[in-house]
Amino acid sequence: MSYQLTVIYHHPEDPAAFDAYYESTHAPLASKIPGLRSYTSQKPGQGPEGDPAEYLVAMLVFDDQAAFGAGMGSEQGRAAGGDVANFATGGVTMLAGEVTTYV
């Protein structure tokens, strides 16, 4: 069963600066985390109640919890985690856990 880190970024003070930094610096840095099987992100669209509270949601998938722990504990994982404070001016929520696939 795979293990996923979900990173929920709330609306930043300067969306253009967030996007530029995320694409040019953070995503390439996070992509180097050892054991990372996939790394995707999405910008939630407008829902029935208006604009979403979330600005961007990133999903980082590892083979299992051990691979997640090793990857995030590595030099590259610590660098990516520490980098979040450099651009996530709107705040961030991180969730980690096993993934269950239904379809």
C-alpha atoms as a PDB file:
ATOM      1  CA  MET A   1       0.000   0.000   0.000  1.00  0.00           C
ATOM      2  CA  SER A   2       1.461   3.388  -0.942  1.00  0.00           C
ATOM      3  CA  TYR A   3       1.969   6.280   1.458  1.00  0.00           C
ATOM      4  CA  GLN A   4       1.132   9.864   0.539  1.00  0.00           C
ATOM      5  CA  LEU A   5       2.097  13.287   1.823  1.00  0.00           C
ATOM      6  CA  THR A   6      -0.596  15.815   0.925  1.00  0.00           C
ATOM      7  CA  VAL A   7       0.510  19.440   1.203  1.00  0.00           C
ATOM      8  CA  ILE A   8      -2.320  21.978   1.204  1.00  0.00           C
ATOM      9  CA  TYR A   9      -1.231  25.542   0.497  1.00  0.00           C
ATOM     10  CA  HIS A  10      -3.676  28.273   1.449  1.00  0.00           C
ATOM     11  CA  HIS A  11      -3.969  31.475  -0.586  1.00  0.00           C
ATOM     12  CA  PRO A  12      -0.619  33.286  -0.585  1.00  0.00           C
ATOM     13  CA  GLU A  13      -0.186  37.032  -0.199  1.00  0.00           C
ATOM     14  CA  ASP A  14       1.234  37.266  -3.735  1.00  0.00           C
ATOM     15  CA  PRO A  15      -0.029  34.448  -5.990  1.00  0.00           C
ATOM     16  CA  ALA A  16       2.280  35.346  -8.898  1.00  0.00           C
ATOM     17  CA  ALA A  17       5.358  35.240  -6.655  1.00  0.00           C
ATOM     18  CA  PHE A  18       4.172  31.934  -5.140  1.00  0.00           C
ATOM     19  CA  ASP A  19       3.690  30.376  -8.576  1.00  0.00           C
ATOM     20  CA  ALA A  20       7.068  31.563  -9.855  1.00  0.00           C
ATOM     21  CA  TYR A  21       8.928  30.297  -6.788  1.00  0.00           C
ATOM     22  CA  TYR A  22       7.057  26.999  -6.635  1.00  0.00           C
ATOM     23  CA  GLU A  23       7.716  26.187 -10.294  1.00  0.00           C
ATOM     24  CA  SER A  24      11.329  27.380 -10.468  1.00  0.00           C
ATOM     25  CA  THR A  25      12.639  26.441  -7.026  1.00  0.00           C
ATOM     26  CA  HIS A  26      10.422  24.352  -4.765  1.00  0.00           C
ATOM     27  CA  ALA A  27       9.079  21.730  -7.176  1.00  0.00           C
ATOM     28  CA  PRO A  28      12.553  20.909  -8.559  1.00  0.00           C
ATOM     29  CA  LEU A  29      13.884  20.695  -4.985  1.00  0.00           C
ATOM     30  CA  ALA A  30      11.060  18.417  -3.797  1.00  0.00           C
ATOM     31  CA  SER A  31      11.402  16.260  -6.917  1.00  0.00           C
ATOM     32  CA  LYS A  32      14.822  15.148  -5.663  1.00  0.00           C
ATOM     33  CA  ILE A  33      13.481  13.516  -2.471  1.00  0.00           C
ATOM     34  CA  PRO A  34      14.727   9.900  -2.460  1.00  0.00           C
ATOM     35  CA  GLY A  35      12.037   7.239  -2.779  1.00  0.00           C
ATOM     36  CA  LEU A  36       9.483   9.596  -4.296  1.00  0.00           C
ATOM     37  CA  ARG A  37       7.316   7.569  -6.679  1.00  0.00           C
ATOM     38  CA  SER A  38       5.134  10.410  -7.948  1.00  0.00           C
ATOM     39  CA  TYR A  39       4.698  14.121  -7.303  1.00  0.00           C
ATOM     40  CA  THR A  40       1.665  15.954  -8.636  1.00  0.00           C
ATOM     41  CA  SER A  41      -0.176  19.139  -7.798  1.00  0.00           C
ATOM     42  CA  GLN A  42      -3.473  20.779  -8.567  1.00  0.00           C
ATOM     43  CA  LYS A  43      -5.043  24.182  -8.165  1.00  0.00           C
ATOM     44  CA  PRO A  44      -8.582  23.553  -6.930  1.00  0.00           C
ATOM     45  CA  GLY A  45     -11.249  25.148  -9.071  1.00  0.00           C
ATOM     46  CA  GLN A  46     -14.254  27.082  -7.950  1.00  0.00           C
ATOM     47  CA  GLY A  47     -16.841  24.930  -6.221  1.00  0.00           C
ATOM     48  CA  PRO A  48     -20.544  25.392  -5.529  1.00  0.00           C
ATOM     49  CA  GLU A  49     -19.757  27.666  -2.578  1.00  0.00           C
ATOM     50  CA  GLY A  50     -17.311  29.922  -4.434  1.00  0.00           C
ATOM     51  CA  ASP A  51     -13.549  30.081  -4.425  1.00  0.00           C
ATOM     52  CA  PRO A  52     -11.759  27.310  -2.528  1.00  0.00           C
ATOM     53  CA  ALA A  53      -9.854  28.008   0.688  1.00  0.00           C
ATOM     54  CA  GLU A  54      -6.938  26.107  -0.826  1.00  0.00           C
ATOM     55  CA  TYR A  55      -4.637  27.639  -3.413  1.00  0.00           C
ATOM     56  CA  LEU A  56      -2.612  24.570  -4.381  1.00  0.00           C
ATOM     57  CA  VAL A  57      -2.577  20.944  -3.250  1.00  0.00           C
ATOM     58  CA  ALA A  58       0.537  18.824  -3.791  1.00  0.00           C
ATOM     59  CA  MET A  59       0.567  15.033  -3.521  1.00  0.00           C
ATOM     60  CA  LEU A  60       3.850  13.208  -2.965  1.00  0.00           C
ATOM     61  CA  VAL A  61       3.584   9.409  -3.105  1.00  0.00           C
ATOM     62  CA  PHE A  62       6.049   6.882  -1.704  1.00  0.00           C
ATOM     63  CA  ASP A  63       6.011   3.073  -1.751  1.00  0.00           C
ATOM     64  CA  ASP A  64       5.294   2.833   1.981  1.00  0.00           C
ATOM     65  CA  GLN A  65       5.673   4.627   5.304  1.00  0.00           C
ATOM     66  CA  ALA A  66       9.299   3.522   5.643  1.00  0.00           C
ATOM     67  CA  ALA A  67      10.167   5.030   2.248  1.00  0.00           C
ATOM     68  CA  PHE A  68       8.328   8.219   3.237  1.00  0.00           C
ATOM     69  CA  GLY A  69      10.267   8.460   6.500  1.00  0.00           C
ATOM     70  CA  ALA A  70      13.586   7.815   4.810  1.00  0.00           C
ATOM     71  CA  GLY A  71      12.866  10.283   2.022  1.00  0.00           C
ATOM     72  CA  MET A  72      11.661  13.090   4.245  1.00  0.00           C
ATOM     73  CA  GLY A  73      14.498  12.455   6.688  1.00  0.00           C
ATOM     74  CA  SER A  74      17.104  12.688   3.941  1.00  0.00           C
ATOM     75  CA  GLU A  75      19.082  15.833   3.182  1.00  0.00           C
ATOM     76  CA  GLN A  76      16.831  16.488   0.167  1.00  0.00           C
ATOM     77  CA  GLY A  77      13.653  15.905   2.193  1.00  0.00           C
ATOM     78  CA  ARG A  78      14.774  18.254   4.953  1.00  0.00           C
ATOM     79  CA  ALA A  79      15.719  20.885   2.369  1.00  0.00           C
ATOM     80  CA  ALA A  80      12.313  20.668   0.674  1.00  0.00           C
ATOM     81  CA  GLY A  81      10.485  20.804   4.006  1.00  0.00           C
ATOM     82  CA  GLY A  82      12.535  23.779   5.149  1.00  0.00           C
ATOM     83  CA  ASP A  83      11.938  25.588   1.873  1.00  0.00           C
ATOM     84  CA  VAL A  84       8.162  25.812   2.430  1.00  0.00           C
ATOM     85  CA  ALA A  85       8.580  28.821   4.739  1.00  0.00           C
ATOM     86  CA  ASN A  86      10.241  30.730   1.887  1.00  0.00           C
ATOM     87  CA  PHE A  87       7.056  31.035  -0.187  1.00  0.00           C
ATOM     88  CA  ALA A  88       3.956  29.682   1.624  1.00  0.00           C
ATOM     89  CA  THR A  89       2.847  33.064   2.982  1.00  0.00           C
ATOM     90  CA  GLY A  90      -0.791  31.974   3.287  1.00  0.00           C
ATOM     91  CA  GLY A  91      -0.011  29.004   5.491  1.00  0.00           C
ATOM     92  CA  VAL A  92       0.165  25.303   4.817  1.00  0.00           C
ATOM     93  CA  THR A  93      -1.398  22.100   6.135  1.00  0.00           C
ATOM     94  CA  MET A  94       0.365  18.745   5.726  1.00  0.00           C
ATOM     95  CA  LEU A  95      -1.324  15.351   5.965  1.00  0.00           C
ATOM     96  CA  ALA A  96       0.413  11.993   5.639  1.00  0.00           C
ATOM     97  CA  GLY A  97      -1.029   8.506   5.504  1.00  0.00           C
ATOM     98  CA  GLU A  98      -1.608   5.265   3.665  1.00  0.00           C
ATOM     99  CA  VAL A  99      -3.498   5.478   0.391  1.00  0.00           C
ATOM    100  CA  THR A 100      -6.496   3.277  -0.328  1.00  0.00           C
ATOM    101  CA  THR A 101      -7.425   2.896  -3.996  1.00  0.00           C
ATOM    102  CA  TYR A 102     -11.032   2.003  -4.803  1.00  0.00           C
ATOM    103  CA  VAL A 103     -11.024   2.067  -8.600  1.00  0.00           C
END
